Protein backbone atom coordinates (compact mmCIF):
# COMPACT_ATOMS: atom_id res chain seq x y z
CA UNK A 1 0.00 0.00 0.00
CA UNK A 2 1.27 3.46 -0.88
CA UNK A 3 2.25 5.97 1.78
CA UNK A 4 -0.41 8.47 2.83
CA UNK A 5 0.25 11.87 1.27
CA UNK A 6 1.96 10.45 -1.82
CA UNK A 7 0.89 10.69 -5.46
CA UNK A 8 -0.66 7.23 -5.33
CA UNK A 9 -2.48 7.84 -2.04
CA UNK A 10 -3.18 11.53 -1.46
CA UNK A 11 -4.73 12.75 1.78
CA UNK A 12 -8.46 13.42 1.38
CA UNK A 13 -9.82 16.33 3.39
CA UNK A 14 -13.25 17.93 3.67
CA UNK A 15 -13.58 21.50 4.98
CA UNK A 16 -16.47 23.97 5.26
CA UNK A 17 -14.83 27.17 4.01
CA UNK A 18 -12.45 28.22 1.26
CA UNK A 19 -9.92 29.92 3.64
CA UNK A 20 -9.69 26.72 5.69
CA UNK A 21 -9.08 24.77 2.47
CA UNK A 22 -6.30 27.18 1.51
CA UNK A 23 -4.69 26.67 4.93
CA UNK A 24 -4.77 22.90 4.48
CA UNK A 25 -3.26 23.16 0.99
CA UNK A 26 -0.50 25.47 2.28
CA UNK A 27 0.31 23.05 5.10
CA UNK A 28 0.48 20.12 2.70
CA UNK A 29 2.68 22.02 0.25
CA UNK A 30 5.04 22.89 3.12
CA UNK A 31 5.46 19.18 3.93
CA UNK A 32 5.39 18.06 0.25
CA UNK A 33 2.21 16.01 0.76
CA UNK A 34 -0.38 15.45 -1.95
CA UNK A 35 -3.91 16.34 -0.90
CA UNK A 36 -7.43 16.44 -2.29
CA UNK A 37 -9.55 19.12 -0.63
CA UNK A 38 -13.33 19.16 -0.86
CA UNK A 39 -15.35 22.17 0.26
CA UNK A 40 -18.83 21.54 1.60
CA UNK A 41 -20.39 24.28 3.73
CA UNK A 42 -23.21 22.01 4.92
CA UNK A 43 -21.05 18.93 5.62
CA UNK A 44 -18.91 18.23 8.68
CA UNK A 45 -15.17 18.78 8.37
CA UNK A 46 -12.95 15.71 8.06
CA UNK A 47 -9.26 16.37 8.70
CA UNK A 48 -8.38 12.84 9.83
CA UNK A 49 -5.83 12.20 7.05
CA UNK A 50 -3.97 15.42 7.88
CA UNK A 51 -4.00 14.53 11.58
CA UNK A 52 -2.49 11.14 10.74
CA UNK A 53 0.24 12.74 8.68
CA UNK A 54 1.07 15.27 11.39
CA UNK A 55 1.30 12.81 14.27
CA UNK A 56 2.99 9.93 12.45
CA UNK A 57 6.42 11.14 11.35
CA UNK A 58 8.62 8.69 9.54
CA UNK A 59 10.02 6.50 12.24
CA UNK A 60 13.67 5.64 12.37
CA UNK A 61 14.47 1.96 12.44
CA UNK A 62 15.32 0.73 15.92
CA UNK A 63 18.97 0.66 16.87
CA UNK A 64 20.62 -2.74 16.61
CA UNK A 65 20.52 -4.77 19.82
CA UNK A 66 23.67 -6.10 21.40
CA UNK A 67 23.60 -9.83 22.04
CA UNK A 68 25.35 -11.63 24.91
CA UNK A 69 28.02 -13.06 22.63
CA UNK A 70 28.66 -9.85 20.68
CA UNK A 71 31.77 -7.86 21.47
CA UNK A 72 31.44 -4.97 23.91
CA UNK A 73 30.96 -1.68 22.02
CA UNK A 74 33.53 0.07 24.25
CA UNK A 75 36.26 -1.49 22.10
CA UNK A 76 37.95 -3.58 24.81
CA UNK A 77 37.62 -6.80 22.84
CA UNK A 78 35.67 -8.51 25.64
CA UNK A 79 32.34 -10.18 25.03
CA UNK A 80 29.33 -8.15 26.12
CA UNK A 81 28.41 -10.80 28.70
CA UNK A 82 31.77 -10.02 30.38
CA UNK A 83 31.25 -6.28 30.04
CA UNK A 84 33.38 -4.11 32.30
CA UNK A 85 30.31 -2.25 33.56
CA UNK A 86 29.22 -5.16 35.74
CA UNK A 87 26.16 -7.29 35.08
CA UNK A 88 25.39 -7.41 31.38
CA UNK A 89 22.07 -5.73 30.75
CA UNK A 90 20.30 -5.93 27.40
CA UNK A 91 20.34 -2.39 26.12
CA UNK A 92 20.38 -0.73 22.77
CA UNK A 93 23.55 0.71 21.38
CA UNK A 94 22.31 4.27 21.86
CA UNK A 95 21.05 3.82 25.40
CA UNK A 96 24.25 2.29 26.73
CA UNK A 97 26.76 4.56 28.43
CA UNK A 98 30.01 3.05 27.23
CA UNK A 99 32.93 3.19 29.68
CA UNK A 100 36.40 1.91 28.85
CA UNK A 101 37.08 -1.65 29.94
C-alpha atoms as a PDB file:
ATOM      1  CA  UNK A   1       0.000   0.000   0.000  1.00  0.00           C
ATOM      2  CA  UNK A   2       1.269   3.465  -0.880  1.00  0.00           C
ATOM      3  CA  UNK A   3       2.253   5.966   1.782  1.00  0.00           C
ATOM      4  CA  UNK A   4      -0.410   8.472   2.831  1.00  0.00           C
ATOM      5  CA  UNK A   5       0.247  11.873   1.268  1.00  0.00           C
ATOM      6  CA  UNK A   6       1.964  10.448  -1.818  1.00  0.00           C
ATOM      7  CA  UNK A   7       0.893  10.689  -5.461  1.00  0.00           C
ATOM      8  CA  UNK A   8      -0.656   7.230  -5.334  1.00  0.00           C
ATOM      9  CA  UNK A   9      -2.477   7.836  -2.040  1.00  0.00           C
ATOM     10  CA  UNK A  10      -3.178  11.532  -1.462  1.00  0.00           C
ATOM     11  CA  UNK A  11      -4.728  12.753   1.778  1.00  0.00           C
ATOM     12  CA  UNK A  12      -8.457  13.416   1.379  1.00  0.00           C
ATOM     13  CA  UNK A  13      -9.816  16.334   3.393  1.00  0.00           C
ATOM     14  CA  UNK A  14     -13.253  17.934   3.671  1.00  0.00           C
ATOM     15  CA  UNK A  15     -13.579  21.504   4.977  1.00  0.00           C
ATOM     16  CA  UNK A  16     -16.465  23.968   5.257  1.00  0.00           C
ATOM     17  CA  UNK A  17     -14.829  27.173   4.008  1.00  0.00           C
ATOM     18  CA  UNK A  18     -12.450  28.222   1.264  1.00  0.00           C
ATOM     19  CA  UNK A  19      -9.924  29.918   3.636  1.00  0.00           C
ATOM     20  CA  UNK A  20      -9.692  26.721   5.694  1.00  0.00           C
ATOM     21  CA  UNK A  21      -9.075  24.772   2.469  1.00  0.00           C
ATOM     22  CA  UNK A  22      -6.296  27.177   1.511  1.00  0.00           C
ATOM     23  CA  UNK A  23      -4.687  26.674   4.930  1.00  0.00           C
ATOM     24  CA  UNK A  24      -4.767  22.902   4.476  1.00  0.00           C
ATOM     25  CA  UNK A  25      -3.256  23.157   0.988  1.00  0.00           C
ATOM     26  CA  UNK A  26      -0.496  25.471   2.277  1.00  0.00           C
ATOM     27  CA  UNK A  27       0.312  23.049   5.102  1.00  0.00           C
ATOM     28  CA  UNK A  28       0.475  20.116   2.695  1.00  0.00           C
ATOM     29  CA  UNK A  29       2.682  22.021   0.254  1.00  0.00           C
ATOM     30  CA  UNK A  30       5.042  22.892   3.116  1.00  0.00           C
ATOM     31  CA  UNK A  31       5.460  19.176   3.931  1.00  0.00           C
ATOM     32  CA  UNK A  32       5.392  18.059   0.254  1.00  0.00           C
ATOM     33  CA  UNK A  33       2.206  16.013   0.759  1.00  0.00           C
ATOM     34  CA  UNK A  34      -0.377  15.449  -1.948  1.00  0.00           C
ATOM     35  CA  UNK A  35      -3.908  16.338  -0.896  1.00  0.00           C
ATOM     36  CA  UNK A  36      -7.429  16.441  -2.294  1.00  0.00           C
ATOM     37  CA  UNK A  37      -9.552  19.118  -0.633  1.00  0.00           C
ATOM     38  CA  UNK A  38     -13.332  19.158  -0.858  1.00  0.00           C
ATOM     39  CA  UNK A  39     -15.346  22.170   0.256  1.00  0.00           C
ATOM     40  CA  UNK A  40     -18.830  21.538   1.599  1.00  0.00           C
ATOM     41  CA  UNK A  41     -20.393  24.280   3.728  1.00  0.00           C
ATOM     42  CA  UNK A  42     -23.210  22.010   4.916  1.00  0.00           C
ATOM     43  CA  UNK A  43     -21.054  18.930   5.616  1.00  0.00           C
ATOM     44  CA  UNK A  44     -18.905  18.228   8.682  1.00  0.00           C
ATOM     45  CA  UNK A  45     -15.169  18.777   8.366  1.00  0.00           C
ATOM     46  CA  UNK A  46     -12.951  15.710   8.058  1.00  0.00           C
ATOM     47  CA  UNK A  47      -9.264  16.370   8.701  1.00  0.00           C
ATOM     48  CA  UNK A  48      -8.376  12.838   9.829  1.00  0.00           C
ATOM     49  CA  UNK A  49      -5.829  12.203   7.047  1.00  0.00           C
ATOM     50  CA  UNK A  50      -3.966  15.422   7.877  1.00  0.00           C
ATOM     51  CA  UNK A  51      -4.005  14.530  11.577  1.00  0.00           C
ATOM     52  CA  UNK A  52      -2.491  11.136  10.740  1.00  0.00           C
ATOM     53  CA  UNK A  53       0.243  12.743   8.679  1.00  0.00           C
ATOM     54  CA  UNK A  54       1.068  15.267  11.387  1.00  0.00           C
ATOM     55  CA  UNK A  55       1.298  12.812  14.269  1.00  0.00           C
ATOM     56  CA  UNK A  56       2.987   9.932  12.449  1.00  0.00           C
ATOM     57  CA  UNK A  57       6.418  11.142  11.354  1.00  0.00           C
ATOM     58  CA  UNK A  58       8.615   8.689   9.537  1.00  0.00           C
ATOM     59  CA  UNK A  59      10.020   6.497  12.245  1.00  0.00           C
ATOM     60  CA  UNK A  60      13.666   5.639  12.367  1.00  0.00           C
ATOM     61  CA  UNK A  61      14.466   1.959  12.442  1.00  0.00           C
ATOM     62  CA  UNK A  62      15.316   0.730  15.925  1.00  0.00           C
ATOM     63  CA  UNK A  63      18.971   0.663  16.874  1.00  0.00           C
ATOM     64  CA  UNK A  64      20.623  -2.743  16.611  1.00  0.00           C
ATOM     65  CA  UNK A  65      20.520  -4.768  19.816  1.00  0.00           C
ATOM     66  CA  UNK A  66      23.675  -6.101  21.396  1.00  0.00           C
ATOM     67  CA  UNK A  67      23.600  -9.834  22.043  1.00  0.00           C
ATOM     68  CA  UNK A  68      25.350 -11.629  24.906  1.00  0.00           C
ATOM     69  CA  UNK A  69      28.017 -13.057  22.625  1.00  0.00           C
ATOM     70  CA  UNK A  70      28.660  -9.851  20.681  1.00  0.00           C
ATOM     71  CA  UNK A  71      31.774  -7.864  21.468  1.00  0.00           C
ATOM     72  CA  UNK A  72      31.444  -4.973  23.911  1.00  0.00           C
ATOM     73  CA  UNK A  73      30.956  -1.681  22.021  1.00  0.00           C
ATOM     74  CA  UNK A  74      33.529   0.071  24.246  1.00  0.00           C
ATOM     75  CA  UNK A  75      36.262  -1.487  22.096  1.00  0.00           C
ATOM     76  CA  UNK A  76      37.945  -3.576  24.807  1.00  0.00           C
ATOM     77  CA  UNK A  77      37.619  -6.804  22.841  1.00  0.00           C
ATOM     78  CA  UNK A  78      35.671  -8.508  25.643  1.00  0.00           C
ATOM     79  CA  UNK A  79      32.342 -10.177  25.027  1.00  0.00           C
ATOM     80  CA  UNK A  80      29.329  -8.154  26.121  1.00  0.00           C
ATOM     81  CA  UNK A  81      28.415 -10.798  28.699  1.00  0.00           C
ATOM     82  CA  UNK A  82      31.766 -10.016  30.380  1.00  0.00           C
ATOM     83  CA  UNK A  83      31.252  -6.284  30.045  1.00  0.00           C
ATOM     84  CA  UNK A  84      33.378  -4.112  32.295  1.00  0.00           C
ATOM     85  CA  UNK A  85      30.313  -2.253  33.559  1.00  0.00           C
ATOM     86  CA  UNK A  86      29.217  -5.165  35.737  1.00  0.00           C
ATOM     87  CA  UNK A  87      26.159  -7.287  35.077  1.00  0.00           C
ATOM     88  CA  UNK A  88      25.395  -7.409  31.383  1.00  0.00           C
ATOM     89  CA  UNK A  89      22.071  -5.729  30.754  1.00  0.00           C
ATOM     90  CA  UNK A  90      20.300  -5.933  27.401  1.00  0.00           C
ATOM     91  CA  UNK A  91      20.338  -2.385  26.124  1.00  0.00           C
ATOM     92  CA  UNK A  92      20.378  -0.733  22.767  1.00  0.00           C
ATOM     93  CA  UNK A  93      23.555   0.710  21.375  1.00  0.00           C
ATOM     94  CA  UNK A  94      22.314   4.274  21.855  1.00  0.00           C
ATOM     95  CA  UNK A  95      21.052   3.819  25.405  1.00  0.00           C
ATOM     96  CA  UNK A  96      24.248   2.286  26.732  1.00  0.00           C
ATOM     97  CA  UNK A  97      26.762   4.557  28.433  1.00  0.00           C
ATOM     98  CA  UNK A  98      30.014   3.048  27.234  1.00  0.00           C
ATOM     99  CA  UNK A  99      32.930   3.190  29.681  1.00  0.00           C
ATOM    100  CA  UNK A 100      36.403   1.914  28.847  1.00  0.00           C
ATOM    101  CA  UNK A 101      37.077  -1.648  29.938  1.00  0.00           C
END
